[in-house]
Amino acid sequence: MEQMIEILEDIQPGVDYANCTTLIDDGILESFAILSIVGELEDVFGVSLTPAEIIPENFNSAQALWEMVQRLQKA
C-alpha cells in the first residue's frame, strides 16, 4: 500500500492519499493522471488493466487501487 501512495504522490503530489476516498468523485484525479496511474501500475506491479477496470470505484482511493492491483495479480 505504501508503494501505491508513493506512485500517486509522484503523479499528483499534495493530496492526502491515505485518507481520501473521493479522488474521482471530487475531480482530484483527472484523465491524464488516471492514464499515468494505469501505466505505472502496469509497470510496477506487472498487471494489465482493461477498460472494464478503469472505473471510478477502482480509482476513488489508494485503498481501492491497491485492492484492484491485488485482484489482478491473483488472476
Protein backbone atom coordinates (compact mmCIF):
# COMPACT_ATOMS: atom_id res chain seq x y z
CA MET A 1 0.00 0.00 0.00
CA GLU A 2 2.88 2.37 0.77
CA GLN A 3 4.21 1.88 -2.74
CA MET A 4 0.76 2.76 -4.14
CA ILE A 5 0.72 6.04 -2.24
CA GLU A 6 4.25 6.83 -3.49
CA ILE A 7 3.14 6.26 -7.09
CA LEU A 8 0.14 8.55 -6.60
CA GLU A 9 2.29 11.23 -4.93
CA ASP A 10 4.75 11.14 -7.85
CA ILE A 11 1.95 11.61 -10.37
CA GLN A 12 -0.05 14.20 -8.43
CA PRO A 13 1.52 15.48 -5.20
CA GLY A 14 -0.22 17.33 -2.42
CA VAL A 15 -3.17 15.00 -1.82
CA ASP A 16 -3.87 13.03 1.37
CA TYR A 17 -3.99 9.69 -0.42
CA ALA A 18 -4.00 7.72 2.82
CA ASN A 19 -7.41 9.14 3.78
CA CYS A 20 -9.10 10.45 0.63
CA THR A 21 -11.91 8.29 -0.75
CA THR A 22 -13.22 10.66 -3.42
CA LEU A 23 -10.29 11.06 -5.81
CA ILE A 24 -12.53 10.71 -8.87
CA ASP A 25 -15.80 12.00 -7.41
CA ASP A 26 -14.19 15.29 -6.35
CA GLY A 27 -12.16 15.67 -9.55
CA ILE A 28 -8.82 15.34 -7.76
CA LEU A 29 -7.59 12.89 -10.39
CA GLU A 30 -8.17 14.00 -13.98
CA SER A 31 -7.98 11.82 -17.08
CA PHE A 32 -4.26 12.42 -17.72
CA ALA A 33 -3.40 11.46 -14.15
CA ILE A 34 -5.52 8.32 -14.45
CA LEU A 35 -3.71 7.28 -17.62
CA SER A 36 -0.38 7.88 -15.89
CA ILE A 37 -1.50 5.78 -12.92
CA VAL A 38 -2.59 2.94 -15.22
CA GLY A 39 0.84 2.92 -16.88
CA GLU A 40 2.66 2.95 -13.55
CA LEU A 41 0.53 0.15 -12.11
CA GLU A 42 1.18 -1.99 -15.15
CA ASP A 43 4.93 -1.33 -14.99
CA VAL A 44 5.45 -1.57 -11.23
CA PHE A 45 3.05 -4.39 -10.35
CA GLY A 46 3.07 -6.34 -13.61
CA VAL A 47 -0.69 -6.20 -14.07
CA SER A 48 -2.70 -5.47 -17.18
CA LEU A 49 -5.71 -3.19 -16.80
CA THR A 50 -8.59 -3.46 -19.23
CA PRO A 51 -11.12 -0.68 -19.80
CA ALA A 52 -13.52 -2.62 -17.54
CA GLU A 53 -11.20 -1.91 -14.57
CA ILE A 54 -10.86 1.79 -15.27
CA ILE A 55 -13.97 2.83 -13.35
CA PRO A 56 -14.41 5.38 -10.55
CA GLU A 57 -14.91 2.68 -7.91
CA ASN A 58 -11.38 1.40 -8.55
CA PHE A 59 -9.76 4.86 -8.63
CA ASN A 60 -11.54 6.77 -5.85
CA SER A 61 -8.93 5.90 -3.22
CA ALA A 62 -5.46 4.49 -2.83
CA GLN A 63 -7.04 1.55 -0.98
CA ALA A 64 -9.39 0.80 -3.90
CA LEU A 65 -6.45 0.95 -6.32
CA TRP A 66 -4.43 -1.37 -4.09
CA GLU A 67 -7.30 -3.87 -3.87
CA MET A 68 -7.70 -3.82 -7.66
CA VAL A 69 -3.98 -4.49 -8.15
CA GLN A 70 -4.11 -7.39 -5.70
CA ARG A 71 -7.13 -8.89 -7.55
CA LEU A 72 -5.36 -8.55 -10.88
CA GLN A 73 -2.16 -10.13 -9.56
CA LYS A 74 -4.11 -13.18 -8.43
CA ALA A 75 -5.93 -13.56 -11.75
